[in-house]
Amino acid sequence: MTTLSDAAAPPATATRYDRLQRSLHWLMALIIFTAIGIGLYCSWLVPGTPERQALLEIHKSLGLTALTLVVVRVLWRLAVGAPAYVKPLGRLTHLAAGAGHLALYALMLLMPLSGYVFSAAGGRSLPWFGLFQWPNLLPKDPALAELGRFVHGWGATAIYVVLGLHLAAVLWHRFVLKDEVLARMLPPR
């Protein structure tokens, strides 16, 4: 009997992530960096202004999209795994990469969830690009909203650091070690 993981698993010789994993990675990178840029810009705008409100609606829509996609991404990764390395990473590098990816996935869940709590418990909108409102599953609770805001703010700092380290590691592998780490996330030539 063939299981989902057997049917979807990359061949033992695969050295790149499959098309869905690569697509989700780059789509989420675009969404996350856009949401970060909008969030940073909004932090400089006067609260309550129409421009800030409109941008925050987009920021929230991107965040909830990222939350949905990270769930798909985690489930698919659990089903198909990761491709083999042409040249295995050293033990310390492998542990650091694992810790970094775990931190990224945790933050990809924490940031939209804390943003949701901030908005929902604060009685604010939960839009998805003006097409619909996500259900508000929380009662209006100023203390809970403040906790969501606090976690979201500290999570933003954490995601800046972790993404910076992730990008630095990619550049290190690409330009210093000149190995295939980046190529695993790119389409075949």
C-alpha atoms as a PDB file:
ATOM      1  CA  MET A   1       0.000   0.000   0.000  1.00  0.00           C
ATOM      2  CA  THR A   2       1.367   3.406  -1.006  1.00  0.00           C
ATOM      3  CA  THR A   3       1.063   6.236   1.505  1.00  0.00           C
ATOM      4  CA  LEU A   4       0.977   9.950   0.757  1.00  0.00           C
ATOM      5  CA  SER A   5       4.570  10.318   1.873  1.00  0.00           C
ATOM      6  CA  ASP A   6       5.624   7.389  -0.362  1.00  0.00           C
ATOM      7  CA  ALA A   7       3.780   8.800  -3.378  1.00  0.00           C
ATOM      8  CA  ALA A   8       4.968  12.371  -2.898  1.00  0.00           C
ATOM      9  CA  ALA A   9       8.477  11.690  -1.626  1.00  0.00           C
ATOM     10  CA  PRO A  10      11.222  12.958  -3.888  1.00  0.00           C
ATOM     11  CA  PRO A  11      13.423  10.291  -5.412  1.00  0.00           C
ATOM     12  CA  ALA A  12      16.459   9.391  -3.318  1.00  0.00           C
ATOM     13  CA  THR A  13      18.617  11.233  -5.849  1.00  0.00           C
ATOM     14  CA  ALA A  14      16.626  14.501  -5.695  1.00  0.00           C
ATOM     15  CA  THR A  15      18.827  17.415  -4.679  1.00  0.00           C
ATOM     16  CA  ARG A  16      16.217  20.177  -4.997  1.00  0.00           C
ATOM     17  CA  TYR A  17      12.965  20.848  -3.229  1.00  0.00           C
ATOM     18  CA  ASP A  18       9.934  19.953  -5.323  1.00  0.00           C
ATOM     19  CA  ARG A  19       8.070  22.578  -7.331  1.00  0.00           C
ATOM     20  CA  LEU A  20       5.376  23.138  -4.680  1.00  0.00           C
ATOM     21  CA  GLN A  21       7.929  23.591  -1.882  1.00  0.00           C
ATOM     22  CA  ARG A  22       9.956  26.032  -3.987  1.00  0.00           C
ATOM     23  CA  SER A  23       6.844  27.948  -5.035  1.00  0.00           C
ATOM     24  CA  LEU A  24       5.571  28.228  -1.466  1.00  0.00           C
ATOM     25  CA  HIS A  25       9.010  29.323  -0.240  1.00  0.00           C
ATOM     26  CA  TRP A  26       9.347  32.183  -2.734  1.00  0.00           C
ATOM     27  CA  LEU A  27       5.678  33.221  -2.518  1.00  0.00           C
ATOM     28  CA  MET A  28       5.907  33.376   1.267  1.00  0.00           C
ATOM     29  CA  ALA A  29       9.187  35.289   1.069  1.00  0.00           C
ATOM     30  CA  LEU A  30       7.456  37.890  -1.113  1.00  0.00           C
ATOM     31  CA  ILE A  31       4.435  38.049   1.210  1.00  0.00           C
ATOM     32  CA  ILE A  32       6.529  38.281   4.385  1.00  0.00           C
ATOM     33  CA  PHE A  33       8.922  40.942   3.103  1.00  0.00           C
ATOM     34  CA  THR A  34       5.978  42.967   1.759  1.00  0.00           C
ATOM     35  CA  ALA A  35       4.143  42.667   5.095  1.00  0.00           C
ATOM     36  CA  ILE A  36       7.305  43.691   6.953  1.00  0.00           C
ATOM     37  CA  GLY A  37       7.779  46.727   4.711  1.00  0.00           C
ATOM     38  CA  ILE A  38       4.170  47.810   5.132  1.00  0.00           C
ATOM     39  CA  GLY A  39       4.297  47.225   8.893  1.00  0.00           C
ATOM     40  CA  LEU A  40       7.468  49.279   9.261  1.00  0.00           C
ATOM     41  CA  TYR A  41       6.083  52.089   7.128  1.00  0.00           C
ATOM     42  CA  CYS A  42       2.826  52.119   9.119  1.00  0.00           C
ATOM     43  CA  SER A  43       4.760  52.424  12.366  1.00  0.00           C
ATOM     44  CA  TRP A  44       5.817  55.893  11.200  1.00  0.00           C
ATOM     45  CA  LEU A  45       2.309  57.008  10.212  1.00  0.00           C
ATOM     46  CA  VAL A  46      -0.140  58.729  12.552  1.00  0.00           C
ATOM     47  CA  PRO A  47      -2.626  56.186  13.969  1.00  0.00           C
ATOM     48  CA  GLY A  48      -6.136  56.506  12.578  1.00  0.00           C
ATOM     49  CA  THR A  49      -5.188  58.190   9.307  1.00  0.00           C
ATOM     50  CA  PRO A  50      -6.839  56.795   6.166  1.00  0.00           C
ATOM     51  CA  GLU A  51      -3.466  55.912   4.598  1.00  0.00           C
ATOM     52  CA  ARG A  52      -2.358  53.953   7.665  1.00  0.00           C
ATOM     53  CA  GLN A  53      -5.703  52.162   7.938  1.00  0.00           C
ATOM     54  CA  ALA A  54      -5.654  51.152   4.268  1.00  0.00           C
ATOM     55  CA  LEU A  55      -2.087  49.868   4.506  1.00  0.00           C
ATOM     56  CA  LEU A  56      -2.831  47.955   7.708  1.00  0.00           C
ATOM     57  CA  GLU A  57      -5.731  46.245   5.925  1.00  0.00           C
ATOM     58  CA  ILE A  58      -3.226  45.004   3.326  1.00  0.00           C
ATOM     59  CA  HIS A  59      -0.730  44.074   6.070  1.00  0.00           C
ATOM     60  CA  LYS A  60      -3.383  41.988   7.859  1.00  0.00           C
ATOM     61  CA  SER A  61      -4.461  40.351   4.596  1.00  0.00           C
ATOM     62  CA  LEU A  62      -0.873  39.389   3.832  1.00  0.00           C
ATOM     63  CA  GLY A  63      -0.376  38.057   7.359  1.00  0.00           C
ATOM     64  CA  LEU A  64      -3.446  35.844   7.267  1.00  0.00           C
ATOM     65  CA  THR A  65      -2.459  34.634   3.797  1.00  0.00           C
ATOM     66  CA  ALA A  66       0.986  33.733   5.158  1.00  0.00           C
ATOM     67  CA  LEU A  67      -0.634  31.865   8.045  1.00  0.00           C
ATOM     68  CA  THR A  68      -2.735  29.811   5.642  1.00  0.00           C
ATOM     69  CA  LEU A  69       0.241  29.085   3.396  1.00  0.00           C
ATOM     70  CA  VAL A  70       2.575  28.113   6.247  1.00  0.00           C
ATOM     71  CA  VAL A  71       0.080  25.455   7.332  1.00  0.00           C
ATOM     72  CA  VAL A  72       0.067  24.045   3.782  1.00  0.00           C
ATOM     73  CA  ARG A  73       3.848  24.308   3.663  1.00  0.00           C
ATOM     74  CA  VAL A  74       4.386  22.459   6.945  1.00  0.00           C
ATOM     75  CA  LEU A  75       1.955  19.689   6.015  1.00  0.00           C
ATOM     76  CA  TRP A  76       3.572  19.238   2.590  1.00  0.00           C
ATOM     77  CA  ARG A  77       7.066  19.242   4.082  1.00  0.00           C
ATOM     78  CA  LEU A  78       6.016  16.573   6.584  1.00  0.00           C
ATOM     79  CA  ALA A  79       4.558  14.525   3.732  1.00  0.00           C
ATOM     80  CA  VAL A  80       7.475  14.748   1.270  1.00  0.00           C
ATOM     81  CA  GLY A  81      10.499  15.658   3.380  1.00  0.00           C
ATOM     82  CA  ALA A  82      13.572  17.457   2.109  1.00  0.00           C
ATOM     83  CA  PRO A  83      15.930  16.504  -0.699  1.00  0.00           C
ATOM     84  CA  ALA A  84      19.347  15.085   0.006  1.00  0.00           C
ATOM     85  CA  TYR A  85      22.448  17.257  -0.097  1.00  0.00           C
ATOM     86  CA  VAL A  86      25.017  16.538  -2.787  1.00  0.00           C
ATOM     87  CA  LYS A  87      27.652  17.081  -0.106  1.00  0.00           C
ATOM     88  CA  PRO A  88      26.261  16.636   3.424  1.00  0.00           C
ATOM     89  CA  LEU A  89      26.528  19.605   5.770  1.00  0.00           C
ATOM     90  CA  GLY A  90      28.766  19.347   8.805  1.00  0.00           C
ATOM     91  CA  ARG A  91      27.028  18.459  12.057  1.00  0.00           C
ATOM     92  CA  LEU A  92      27.192  21.977  13.513  1.00  0.00           C
ATOM     93  CA  THR A  93      26.012  23.565  10.256  1.00  0.00           C
ATOM     94  CA  HIS A  94      23.170  21.056  10.022  1.00  0.00           C
ATOM     95  CA  LEU A  95      22.103  21.823  13.617  1.00  0.00           C
ATOM     96  CA  ALA A  96      22.288  25.583  13.007  1.00  0.00           C
ATOM     97  CA  ALA A  97      20.242  25.254   9.815  1.00  0.00           C
ATOM     98  CA  GLY A  98      17.642  23.164  11.633  1.00  0.00           C
ATOM     99  CA  ALA A  99      17.416  25.665  14.491  1.00  0.00           C
ATOM    100  CA  GLY A 100      17.134  28.555  12.035  1.00  0.00           C
ATOM    101  CA  HIS A 101      14.369  26.874  10.046  1.00  0.00           C
ATOM    102  CA  LEU A 102      12.510  25.955  13.224  1.00  0.00           C
ATOM    103  CA  ALA A 103      12.714  29.603  14.353  1.00  0.00           C
ATOM    104  CA  LEU A 104      11.470  30.804  10.951  1.00  0.00           C
ATOM    105  CA  TYR A 105       8.495  28.423  10.979  1.00  0.00           C
ATOM    106  CA  ALA A 106       7.666  29.374  14.583  1.00  0.00           C
ATOM    107  CA  LEU A 107       7.727  33.062  13.644  1.00  0.00           C
ATOM    108  CA  MET A 108       5.671  32.433  10.481  1.00  0.00           C
ATOM    109  CA  LEU A 109       2.997  31.080  12.842  1.00  0.00           C
ATOM    110  CA  LEU A 110       3.510  33.517  15.742  1.00  0.00           C
ATOM    111  CA  MET A 111       3.383  36.737  13.746  1.00  0.00           C
ATOM    112  CA  PRO A 112       0.011  36.257  12.023  1.00  0.00           C
ATOM    113  CA  LEU A 113      -1.510  34.634  15.122  1.00  0.00           C
ATOM    114  CA  SER A 114      -0.404  37.487  17.393  1.00  0.00           C
ATOM    115  CA  GLY A 115      -1.596  40.004  14.785  1.00  0.00           C
ATOM    116  CA  TYR A 116      -4.934  38.203  14.679  1.00  0.00           C
ATOM    117  CA  VAL A 117      -5.225  38.339  18.491  1.00  0.00           C
ATOM    118  CA  PHE A 118      -4.271  42.039  18.484  1.00  0.00           C
ATOM    119  CA  SER A 119      -6.936  42.871  15.908  1.00  0.00           C
ATOM    120  CA  ALA A 120      -9.697  40.449  16.935  1.00  0.00           C
ATOM    121  CA  ALA A 121      -9.531  41.099  20.694  1.00  0.00           C
ATOM    122  CA  GLY A 122      -9.222  44.817  19.964  1.00  0.00           C
ATOM    123  CA  GLY A 123     -12.460  44.777  17.952  1.00  0.00           C
ATOM    124  CA  ARG A 124     -10.634  45.699  14.742  1.00  0.00           C
ATOM    125  CA  SER A 125     -11.230  44.405  11.245  1.00  0.00           C
ATOM    126  CA  LEU A 126      -9.848  41.092   9.971  1.00  0.00           C
ATOM    127  CA  PRO A 127      -9.897  41.685   6.209  1.00  0.00           C
ATOM    128  CA  TRP A 128      -8.722  39.653   3.297  1.00  0.00           C
ATOM    129  CA  PHE A 129      -7.965  42.142   0.522  1.00  0.00           C
ATOM    130  CA  GLY A 130     -11.428  43.698   0.746  1.00  0.00           C
ATOM    131  CA  LEU A 131     -13.100  40.457  -0.355  1.00  0.00           C
ATOM    132  CA  PHE A 132     -14.266  39.223   3.040  1.00  0.00           C
ATOM    133  CA  GLN A 133     -13.639  39.423   6.763  1.00  0.00           C
ATOM    134  CA  TRP A 134     -12.043  36.505   8.595  1.00  0.00           C
ATOM    135  CA  PRO A 135     -14.207  35.311  11.467  1.00  0.00           C
ATOM    136  CA  ASN A 136     -13.514  36.982  14.786  1.00  0.00           C
ATOM    137  CA  LEU A 137     -13.200  34.085  17.227  1.00  0.00           C
ATOM    138  CA  LEU A 138     -12.288  36.219  20.236  1.00  0.00           C
ATOM    139  CA  PRO A 139     -14.339  38.450  22.509  1.00  0.00           C
ATOM    140  CA  LYS A 140     -13.383  42.101  22.706  1.00  0.00           C
ATOM    141  CA  ASP A 141     -10.747  42.126  25.434  1.00  0.00           C
ATOM    142  CA  PRO A 142      -8.352  45.075  25.753  1.00  0.00           C
ATOM    143  CA  ALA A 143      -5.865  43.107  27.882  1.00  0.00           C
ATOM    144  CA  LEU A 144      -5.737  40.260  25.349  1.00  0.00           C
ATOM    145  CA  ALA A 145      -5.417  42.767  22.493  1.00  0.00           C
ATOM    146  CA  GLU A 146      -2.505  44.401  24.322  1.00  0.00           C
ATOM    147  CA  LEU A 147      -0.850  41.003  24.771  1.00  0.00           C
ATOM    148  CA  GLY A 148      -1.254  40.370  21.030  1.00  0.00           C
ATOM    149  CA  ARG A 149       0.266  43.777  20.267  1.00  0.00           C
ATOM    150  CA  PHE A 150       3.186  43.127  22.622  1.00  0.00           C
ATOM    151  CA  VAL A 151       3.926  39.673  21.180  1.00  0.00           C
ATOM    152  CA  HIS A 152       3.572  41.005  17.619  1.00  0.00           C
ATOM    153  CA  GLY A 153       6.017  43.832  18.345  1.00  0.00           C
ATOM    154  CA  TRP A 154       8.654  41.567  19.889  1.00  0.00           C
ATOM    155  CA  GLY A 155       8.039  38.951  17.205  1.00  0.00           C
ATOM    156  CA  ALA A 156       8.780  41.614  14.589  1.00  0.00           C
ATOM    157  CA  THR A 157      12.180  42.202  16.152  1.00  0.00           C
ATOM    158  CA  ALA A 158      12.805  38.447  16.272  1.00  0.00           C
ATOM    159  CA  ILE A 159      11.812  37.949  12.640  1.00  0.00           C
ATOM    160  CA  TYR A 160      14.169  40.741  11.527  1.00  0.00           C
ATOM    161  CA  VAL A 161      17.029  38.973  13.291  1.00  0.00           C
ATOM    162  CA  VAL A 162      16.153  35.460  12.130  1.00  0.00           C
ATOM    163  CA  LEU A 163      15.543  36.539   8.520  1.00  0.00           C
ATOM    164  CA  GLY A 164      18.813  38.482   8.581  1.00  0.00           C
ATOM    165  CA  LEU A 165      20.667  35.388   9.777  1.00  0.00           C
ATOM    166  CA  HIS A 166      18.871  33.255   7.183  1.00  0.00           C
ATOM    167  CA  LEU A 167      19.871  35.602   4.367  1.00  0.00           C
ATOM    168  CA  ALA A 168      23.438  35.838   5.688  1.00  0.00           C
ATOM    169  CA  ALA A 169      23.657  32.032   5.762  1.00  0.00           C
ATOM    170  CA  VAL A 170      22.384  31.816   2.179  1.00  0.00           C
ATOM    171  CA  LEU A 171      24.995  34.352   1.047  1.00  0.00           C
ATOM    172  CA  TRP A 172      27.716  32.517   3.013  1.00  0.00           C
ATOM    173  CA  HIS A 173      26.821  29.223   1.331  1.00  0.00           C
ATOM    174  CA  ARG A 174      26.544  30.817  -2.112  1.00  0.00           C
ATOM    175  CA  PHE A 175      29.598  33.081  -2.199  1.00  0.00           C
ATOM    176  CA  VAL A 176      32.005  31.698   0.408  1.00  0.00           C
ATOM    177  CA  LEU A 177      31.379  27.958   0.567  1.00  0.00           C
ATOM    178  CA  LYS A 178      30.082  27.877  -3.032  1.00  0.00           C
ATOM    179  CA  ASP A 179      27.930  24.847  -2.279  1.00  0.00           C
ATOM    180  CA  GLU A 180      24.462  23.845  -3.502  1.00  0.00           C
ATOM    181  CA  VAL A 181      22.386  25.094  -0.543  1.00  0.00           C
ATOM    182  CA  LEU A 182      20.745  27.939  -2.524  1.00  0.00           C
ATOM    183  CA  ALA A 183      20.343  25.763  -5.628  1.00  0.00           C
ATOM    184  CA  ARG A 184      18.103  23.393  -3.622  1.00  0.00           C
ATOM    185  CA  MET A 185      15.461  26.145  -3.566  1.00  0.00           C
ATOM    186  CA  LEU A 186      15.849  27.195  -7.222  1.00  0.00           C
ATOM    187  CA  PRO A 187      14.326  25.547 -10.298  1.00  0.00           C
ATOM    188  CA  PRO A 188      16.584  23.228 -12.271  1.00  0.00           C
ATOM    189  CA  ARG A 189      18.473  24.860 -15.120  1.00  0.00           C
END
